[in-house]
Amino acid sequence: MNKPKINHFFSIIIVLIIGLSAQNTIAQDFRLGFKGTPLFSSIKPGSDYNNSTGTKIGFSYGLIFDYFLKEHYAVETEFGISSLGGNIEYSKSDTTISSAIKSNFVEVPITIKLLTDNINGKMKVFGKFGMNLGFATKSSAVITYKKNGIEYAKDDMKDASKYIQPLNVSLVIGGGVEYNLAKNLDLILGLTYTNGLLNTMKSPSIYRLNTSNPSIKAFDADMNYFAINVGLLF
């Protein structure tokens, strides 16, 4: 997705937040909490001869902040540290290149959260939708080169940050339940899907320039992940 479309989407989110706020100018509630989230991420190439070949299991942790506009409407934001990545394989003719990429991100999602009334006085069901900003802090990669199925080179990059874009913008959609444990303590359980909108990879190519196939170029890819959300709100 190009930048004008992303800016337009952000504008829609802001208008919705202002519109809901106008119905109740005094916030009914602020809630603060923390989360620990297992992640299942992948990198989806958008270039010829490159394919996603594996999922990376990672973890995210951080703070949650809910600002209630009305009883059933809230703006939720988080500040988290996430470990993401995935596996990619380039295959053309007799050349195969396998890449395992890992990246750490500081993530700040902003979503509109809709909640039901209490169910049996203990539980609320919620859904949320919005955007996520991710700032890459550190990346690494292991790249294996094969010719006719025989490995002839391998790069173990402890720092591959120059090949990863510093900013990632994603679409977020999810849902779950809040279960009341005490007067001011709720357990959060849910699922979230985060779909990358920008190209994750930078030029020049992460691949060697002196491979036996000099036509190999940098590839485009976006980063996506599922998250199992577990947290506490106070």
Protein backbone atom coordinates (compact mmCIF):
# COMPACT_ATOMS: atom_id res chain seq x y z
CA MET A 1 0.00 0.00 0.00
CA ASN A 2 1.42 3.43 -0.94
CA LYS A 3 1.88 6.33 1.43
CA PRO A 4 -1.18 8.38 0.30
CA LYS A 5 -3.46 5.41 1.01
CA ILE A 6 -1.85 4.89 4.43
CA ASN A 7 -2.26 8.58 5.28
CA HIS A 8 -5.90 8.39 4.19
CA PHE A 9 -6.48 5.38 6.44
CA PHE A 10 -4.92 7.18 9.42
CA SER A 11 -7.21 10.15 8.72
CA ILE A 12 -10.27 7.88 8.90
CA ILE A 13 -9.12 6.46 12.26
CA ILE A 14 -8.57 9.99 13.66
CA VAL A 15 -12.02 11.18 12.47
CA LEU A 16 -13.68 8.17 14.11
CA ILE A 17 -11.88 8.85 17.40
CA ILE A 18 -12.84 12.55 17.35
CA GLY A 19 -16.43 11.69 16.47
CA LEU A 20 -16.76 9.28 19.38
CA SER A 21 -15.06 11.75 21.74
CA ALA A 22 -17.52 14.48 20.77
CA GLN A 23 -20.35 12.40 22.22
CA ASN A 24 -18.71 12.46 25.63
CA THR A 25 -16.03 15.07 26.17
CA ILE A 26 -15.10 13.80 29.63
CA ALA A 27 -13.32 10.45 29.67
CA GLN A 28 -15.14 7.86 31.73
CA ASP A 29 -12.11 5.75 32.46
CA PHE A 30 -8.40 5.20 31.97
CA ARG A 31 -7.01 1.71 32.28
CA LEU A 32 -3.39 0.60 32.33
CA GLY A 33 -2.04 -2.92 32.08
CA PHE A 34 0.64 -5.16 30.64
CA LYS A 35 0.82 -8.05 28.19
CA GLY A 36 2.89 -11.07 27.23
CA THR A 37 2.15 -12.34 23.73
CA PRO A 38 3.38 -15.39 21.76
CA LEU A 39 3.74 -14.52 18.06
CA PHE A 40 3.72 -16.55 14.84
CA SER A 41 5.25 -14.38 12.12
CA SER A 42 6.12 -14.83 8.46
CA ILE A 43 7.63 -12.77 5.65
CA LYS A 44 5.61 -12.77 2.44
CA PRO A 45 7.68 -11.92 -0.68
CA GLY A 46 6.10 -10.02 -3.53
CA SER A 47 8.87 -10.66 -6.05
CA ASP A 48 9.33 -13.37 -8.66
CA TYR A 49 11.08 -16.60 -7.66
CA ASN A 50 10.87 -15.79 -3.91
CA ASN A 51 8.52 -17.75 -1.64
CA SER A 52 7.74 -17.85 2.07
CA THR A 53 8.89 -21.19 3.47
CA GLY A 54 8.50 -20.97 7.22
CA THR A 55 7.06 -19.27 10.28
CA LYS A 56 9.07 -17.82 13.14
CA ILE A 57 7.81 -18.20 16.69
CA GLY A 58 8.52 -15.06 18.69
CA PHE A 59 7.31 -13.09 21.67
CA SER A 60 6.05 -9.60 22.48
CA TYR A 61 5.75 -7.86 25.82
CA GLY A 62 4.84 -4.38 26.96
CA LEU A 63 2.22 -1.97 28.29
CA ILE A 64 -1.47 -1.53 27.40
CA PHE A 65 -3.39 1.73 27.75
CA ASP A 66 -7.18 2.02 27.28
CA TYR A 67 -8.87 5.41 27.06
CA PHE A 68 -12.66 5.06 27.20
CA LEU A 69 -14.65 7.50 25.07
CA LYS A 70 -17.95 5.94 26.16
CA GLU A 71 -18.83 2.82 28.13
CA HIS A 72 -18.49 0.52 25.13
CA TYR A 73 -15.95 2.45 23.03
CA ALA A 74 -12.27 2.86 23.75
CA VAL A 75 -9.06 3.86 22.05
CA GLU A 76 -6.42 1.29 22.89
CA THR A 77 -2.72 1.80 22.43
CA GLU A 78 0.25 -0.33 23.41
CA PHE A 79 3.98 0.01 23.74
CA GLY A 80 5.68 -3.31 23.11
CA ILE A 81 8.91 -5.04 22.13
CA SER A 82 8.33 -7.75 19.51
CA SER A 83 10.55 -10.44 17.98
CA LEU A 84 9.47 -11.13 14.39
CA GLY A 85 10.83 -12.78 11.25
CA GLY A 86 10.41 -15.62 8.81
CA ASN A 87 12.01 -17.81 6.15
CA ILE A 88 12.26 -17.04 2.42
CA GLU A 89 13.54 -19.17 -0.44
CA TYR A 90 14.68 -17.92 -3.83
CA SER A 91 14.56 -20.66 -6.46
CA LYS A 92 15.35 -20.30 -10.16
CA SER A 93 16.84 -22.82 -12.49
CA ASP A 94 19.58 -24.66 -10.57
CA THR A 95 20.08 -21.92 -7.93
CA THR A 96 18.42 -21.94 -4.50
CA ILE A 97 18.96 -19.35 -1.78
CA SER A 98 17.38 -19.87 1.66
CA SER A 99 17.08 -16.93 4.07
CA ALA A 100 16.12 -16.99 7.76
CA ILE A 101 15.51 -13.42 8.93
CA LYS A 102 14.91 -12.20 12.49
CA SER A 103 14.02 -8.64 13.50
CA ASN A 104 13.22 -6.91 16.78
CA PHE A 105 10.67 -4.09 16.68
CA VAL A 106 9.38 -1.45 19.05
CA GLU A 107 5.66 -1.46 18.22
CA VAL A 108 2.95 1.12 18.94
CA PRO A 109 -0.49 -0.08 17.78
CA ILE A 110 -3.46 2.28 17.95
CA THR A 111 -6.88 0.66 17.65
CA ILE A 112 -10.56 1.39 18.19
CA LYS A 113 -11.92 -1.14 20.70
CA LEU A 114 -15.61 -2.04 20.94
CA LEU A 115 -16.91 -3.92 24.00
CA THR A 116 -20.17 -5.65 24.91
CA ASP A 117 -22.06 -5.32 28.18
CA ASN A 118 -21.01 -7.59 31.04
CA ILE A 119 -21.97 -11.21 30.49
CA ASN A 120 -23.00 -12.88 33.76
CA GLY A 121 -21.45 -9.90 35.54
CA LYS A 122 -17.92 -11.17 34.88
CA MET A 123 -16.98 -11.09 31.21
CA LYS A 124 -16.96 -8.70 28.25
CA VAL A 125 -16.33 -9.60 24.60
CA PHE A 126 -14.42 -7.10 22.48
CA GLY A 127 -13.25 -6.49 18.94
CA LYS A 128 -10.62 -4.03 17.76
CA PHE A 129 -9.36 -2.56 14.51
CA GLY A 130 -6.63 -0.07 13.68
CA MET A 131 -3.01 0.50 12.70
CA ASN A 132 0.38 -0.50 14.07
CA LEU A 133 3.67 1.38 13.82
CA GLY A 134 6.81 -0.74 14.12
CA PHE A 135 10.35 0.60 14.50
CA ALA A 136 13.12 -1.91 13.74
CA THR A 137 15.87 -1.97 16.37
CA LYS A 138 17.99 -4.99 15.43
CA SER A 139 17.97 -7.59 12.66
CA SER A 140 19.95 -10.71 11.81
CA ALA A 141 19.92 -13.18 8.93
CA VAL A 142 21.33 -16.57 7.94
CA ILE A 143 21.52 -17.07 4.16
CA THR A 144 22.42 -20.38 2.52
CA TYR A 145 23.38 -20.68 -1.18
CA LYS A 146 22.97 -23.89 -3.17
CA LYS A 147 23.75 -24.92 -6.73
CA ASN A 148 22.15 -28.13 -8.00
CA GLY A 149 21.21 -28.90 -4.39
CA ILE A 150 24.80 -28.58 -3.13
CA GLU A 151 25.62 -25.86 -0.61
CA TYR A 152 28.51 -23.69 -1.75
CA ALA A 153 28.25 -20.64 0.53
CA LYS A 154 26.64 -19.43 3.75
CA ASP A 155 26.36 -15.98 5.33
CA ASP A 156 25.62 -15.62 9.05
CA MET A 157 24.84 -11.93 9.48
CA LYS A 158 24.76 -10.93 13.14
CA ASP A 159 23.69 -7.44 12.10
CA ALA A 160 21.48 -7.24 9.00
CA SER A 161 19.87 -3.93 9.92
CA LYS A 162 21.02 -2.19 6.73
CA TYR A 163 18.83 -4.55 4.71
CA ILE A 164 15.63 -4.02 6.80
CA GLN A 165 13.41 -0.95 6.56
CA PRO A 166 13.43 1.03 9.85
CA LEU A 167 9.64 1.63 9.78
CA ASN A 168 6.85 -0.89 9.32
CA VAL A 169 3.16 0.10 9.08
CA SER A 170 0.54 -2.63 9.57
CA LEU A 171 -3.19 -3.17 9.68
CA VAL A 172 -4.44 -4.70 12.96
CA ILE A 173 -7.64 -6.67 13.54
CA GLY A 174 -8.51 -8.81 16.53
CA GLY A 175 -10.84 -9.72 19.34
CA GLY A 176 -11.13 -11.50 22.63
CA VAL A 177 -12.58 -11.38 26.12
CA GLU A 178 -11.96 -9.47 29.33
CA TYR A 179 -12.68 -11.55 32.43
CA ASN A 180 -13.05 -9.77 35.75
CA LEU A 181 -10.84 -11.22 38.50
CA ALA A 182 -11.27 -8.47 41.11
CA LYS A 183 -12.70 -4.97 41.48
CA ASN A 184 -9.99 -3.33 39.38
CA LEU A 185 -8.34 -6.34 37.74
CA ASP A 186 -9.32 -7.95 34.41
CA LEU A 187 -7.67 -10.83 32.58
CA ILE A 188 -7.37 -10.32 28.80
CA LEU A 189 -7.40 -13.26 26.37
CA GLY A 190 -7.57 -12.74 22.61
CA LEU A 191 -6.24 -13.16 19.08
CA THR A 192 -4.81 -10.51 16.78
CA TYR A 193 -3.73 -10.55 13.14
CA THR A 194 -1.25 -7.89 12.01
CA ASN A 195 -0.80 -7.47 8.25
CA GLY A 196 2.20 -5.48 7.01
CA LEU A 197 1.45 -2.75 4.44
CA LEU A 198 4.97 -1.63 3.57
CA ASN A 199 7.95 -3.37 2.02
CA THR A 200 10.14 -4.76 4.81
CA MET A 201 13.32 -5.16 2.75
CA LYS A 202 15.79 -2.47 1.67
CA SER A 203 18.03 -2.18 -1.36
CA PRO A 204 20.78 -3.21 -2.00
CA SER A 205 19.96 -6.89 -2.07
CA ILE A 206 20.66 -8.96 1.03
CA TYR A 207 21.95 -11.64 -1.38
CA ARG A 208 25.62 -11.81 -2.38
CA LEU A 209 26.48 -9.93 -5.54
CA ASN A 210 29.14 -12.48 -6.48
CA THR A 211 26.84 -15.49 -6.59
CA SER A 212 26.85 -17.73 -9.63
CA ASN A 213 23.60 -16.03 -10.68
CA PRO A 214 24.39 -12.28 -10.98
CA SER A 215 20.80 -11.46 -12.02
CA ILE A 216 19.55 -11.92 -8.43
CA LYS A 217 18.18 -8.63 -7.18
CA ALA A 218 16.65 -7.23 -4.01
CA PHE A 219 13.13 -8.51 -3.32
CA ASP A 220 10.01 -6.90 -1.86
CA ALA A 221 8.28 -8.50 1.12
CA ASP A 222 5.84 -7.66 3.89
CA MET A 223 5.81 -9.00 7.44
CA ASN A 224 2.65 -10.50 8.96
CA TYR A 225 1.88 -12.25 12.23
CA PHE A 226 -0.74 -13.83 14.45
CA ALA A 227 -0.61 -13.07 18.18
CA ILE A 228 -2.16 -14.87 21.15
CA ASN A 229 -2.85 -12.00 23.53
CA VAL A 230 -2.59 -12.52 27.28
CA GLY A 231 -2.58 -9.58 29.67
CA LEU A 232 -3.90 -7.87 32.77
CA LEU A 233 -5.77 -4.56 32.98
CA PHE A 234 -5.93 -2.61 36.24
